[in-house]
């Protein structure tokens, strides 16, 4: 019965989010286990993003064909962009998503799944833009 509820929750979340990303925790056998699993995966994806940011800045400061001032400006814009991304992700996933699930037991899982998906997308974007080895971001590289 728990497997059925978890599968139903996964299907509902997939329908609402428009994708198969729920496969990340399909092994969870209960709603609480699923919620914990998705939160842990979202946290791991965030840690992976945090780990590649220094590589982004190394890439920026390694562009010696640009003046030091321009590289510093570029890095400051990237830091501002990252702060904006983080603010957007938190508001969209932790606040707006809860309204979509008003009163629903899947709100916590949906918020964590939202965080996971947006973080993976950001990581993929940065590793592509800055030609960072995808092996440095295995979650983003292998995420559905």
Protein backbone atom coordinates (compact mmCIF):
# COMPACT_ATOMS: atom_id res chain seq x y z
CA UNK A 1 0.00 0.00 0.00
CA UNK A 2 2.84 2.41 0.82
CA UNK A 3 4.44 1.72 -2.56
CA UNK A 4 1.13 2.49 -4.26
CA UNK A 5 0.77 5.83 -2.42
CA UNK A 6 4.35 6.79 -3.20
CA UNK A 7 3.88 5.85 -6.85
CA UNK A 8 0.66 7.87 -7.01
CA UNK A 9 2.41 10.86 -5.43
CA UNK A 10 5.25 10.51 -7.92
CA UNK A 11 2.82 10.39 -10.84
CA UNK A 12 0.92 13.41 -9.57
CA UNK A 13 4.11 15.41 -9.09
CA UNK A 14 5.36 14.37 -12.53
CA UNK A 15 2.11 15.55 -14.09
CA UNK A 16 2.28 18.86 -12.27
CA UNK A 17 5.96 19.52 -12.91
CA UNK A 18 5.82 18.31 -16.49
CA UNK A 19 8.65 15.83 -16.26
CA UNK A 20 10.06 12.52 -15.10
CA UNK A 21 12.43 13.98 -12.49
CA UNK A 22 10.62 12.08 -9.78
CA UNK A 23 12.58 9.01 -10.76
CA UNK A 24 15.27 10.40 -8.49
CA UNK A 25 13.53 8.85 -5.47
CA UNK A 26 11.31 6.17 -6.92
CA UNK A 27 12.81 3.65 -4.49
CA UNK A 28 11.13 5.39 -1.52
CA UNK A 29 8.41 3.21 -0.08
CA UNK A 30 6.47 5.79 1.90
CA UNK A 31 5.53 9.43 1.56
CA UNK A 32 7.85 10.50 4.40
CA UNK A 33 10.75 8.55 2.91
CA UNK A 34 10.06 10.12 -0.47
CA UNK A 35 9.97 13.62 1.02
CA UNK A 36 13.26 13.01 2.86
CA UNK A 37 14.89 11.55 -0.24
CA UNK A 38 13.92 14.45 -2.49
CA UNK A 39 15.09 16.98 0.12
CA UNK A 40 18.44 15.17 0.40
CA UNK A 41 18.82 15.14 -3.39
CA UNK A 42 17.99 18.85 -3.57
CA UNK A 43 20.60 19.55 -0.89
CA UNK A 44 23.17 17.44 -2.75
CA UNK A 45 22.43 19.30 -6.00
CA UNK A 46 22.89 22.62 -4.18
CA UNK A 47 26.23 21.45 -2.78
CA UNK A 48 27.30 20.45 -6.28
CA UNK A 49 26.40 23.89 -7.62
CA UNK A 50 28.33 25.51 -4.77
CA UNK A 51 31.34 23.36 -5.67
CA UNK A 52 31.42 24.42 -9.32
CA UNK A 53 31.05 28.16 -8.67
CA UNK A 54 34.77 28.56 -7.85
CA UNK A 55 35.51 26.91 -11.21
CA UNK A 56 33.31 29.49 -12.92
CA UNK A 57 35.25 32.31 -11.28
CA UNK A 58 38.57 30.66 -12.10
CA UNK A 59 37.46 30.54 -15.72
CA UNK A 60 36.47 34.22 -15.65
CA UNK A 61 39.72 35.35 -14.09
CA UNK A 62 41.68 33.12 -16.45
CA UNK A 63 40.52 35.11 -19.48
CA UNK A 64 43.73 37.09 -19.76
CA UNK A 65 42.70 38.67 -23.05
CA UNK A 66 40.38 40.88 -20.97
CA UNK A 67 41.54 43.59 -18.62
CA UNK A 68 41.58 42.86 -14.91
CA UNK A 69 38.85 45.47 -14.43
CA UNK A 70 36.56 43.77 -16.96
CA UNK A 71 37.13 40.36 -15.39
CA UNK A 72 36.32 41.80 -11.97
CA UNK A 73 33.17 43.40 -13.35
CA UNK A 74 32.17 40.13 -15.03
CA UNK A 75 32.72 38.20 -11.79
CA UNK A 76 30.68 40.73 -9.83
CA UNK A 77 27.84 40.36 -12.35
CA UNK A 78 28.05 36.57 -12.06
CA UNK A 79 27.88 36.84 -8.24
CA UNK A 80 24.84 39.12 -8.53
CA UNK A 81 23.25 36.71 -10.99
CA UNK A 82 23.86 33.80 -8.64
CA UNK A 83 22.32 35.68 -5.72
CA UNK A 84 19.31 36.50 -7.90
CA UNK A 85 19.00 32.87 -8.98
CA UNK A 86 19.10 31.71 -5.36
CA UNK A 87 16.46 34.26 -4.33
CA UNK A 88 14.23 33.27 -7.26
CA UNK A 89 14.62 29.57 -6.50
CA UNK A 90 13.76 30.01 -2.84
CA UNK A 91 10.72 32.19 -3.49
CA UNK A 92 9.43 30.10 -6.39
CA UNK A 93 10.02 26.73 -4.76
CA UNK A 94 9.51 27.35 -1.08
CA UNK A 95 6.80 29.99 -1.22
CA UNK A 96 4.91 29.92 -4.53
CA UNK A 97 4.87 26.13 -4.78
CA UNK A 98 3.22 25.85 -1.37
CA UNK A 99 0.20 27.73 -2.73
CA UNK A 100 -0.10 25.22 -5.56
CA UNK A 101 -0.33 22.48 -2.94
CA UNK A 102 -2.43 24.41 -0.44
CA UNK A 103 -3.34 21.98 2.30
CA UNK A 104 -1.80 19.07 0.43
CA UNK A 105 0.58 16.57 1.95
CA UNK A 106 2.82 16.70 -1.13
CA UNK A 107 3.81 20.36 -0.64
CA UNK A 108 7.15 19.59 1.01
CA UNK A 109 8.13 17.09 -1.65
CA UNK A 110 7.04 19.45 -4.43
CA UNK A 111 9.12 22.29 -2.95
CA UNK A 112 12.20 20.07 -2.69
CA UNK A 113 11.69 18.72 -6.19
CA UNK A 114 11.42 22.29 -7.48
CA UNK A 115 14.69 23.20 -5.72
CA UNK A 116 16.34 20.10 -7.17
CA UNK A 117 15.21 20.78 -10.74
CA UNK A 118 16.13 24.47 -10.73
CA UNK A 119 19.52 23.81 -9.14
CA UNK A 120 20.35 21.06 -11.63
CA UNK A 121 19.31 23.33 -14.50
CA UNK A 122 21.52 26.15 -13.19
CA UNK A 123 24.46 23.80 -12.76
CA UNK A 124 24.03 22.45 -16.29
CA UNK A 125 23.87 25.98 -17.62
CA UNK A 126 27.10 27.00 -15.90
CA UNK A 127 29.07 23.88 -16.82
CA UNK A 128 28.02 24.40 -20.44
CA UNK A 129 28.74 28.13 -20.54
CA UNK A 130 32.12 27.85 -18.87
CA UNK A 131 33.20 24.53 -20.41
CA UNK A 132 33.55 22.84 -17.03
CA UNK A 133 34.11 19.10 -17.07
CA UNK A 134 30.71 17.48 -16.46
CA UNK A 135 32.42 14.92 -14.22
CA UNK A 136 32.72 17.77 -11.70
CA UNK A 137 28.91 17.84 -11.54
CA UNK A 138 27.75 14.22 -11.64
CA UNK A 139 24.26 14.97 -10.36
CA UNK A 140 23.63 17.56 -13.07
CA UNK A 141 25.30 15.40 -15.69
CA UNK A 142 23.19 12.36 -14.87
CA UNK A 143 19.91 13.96 -13.81
CA UNK A 144 16.85 13.06 -15.85
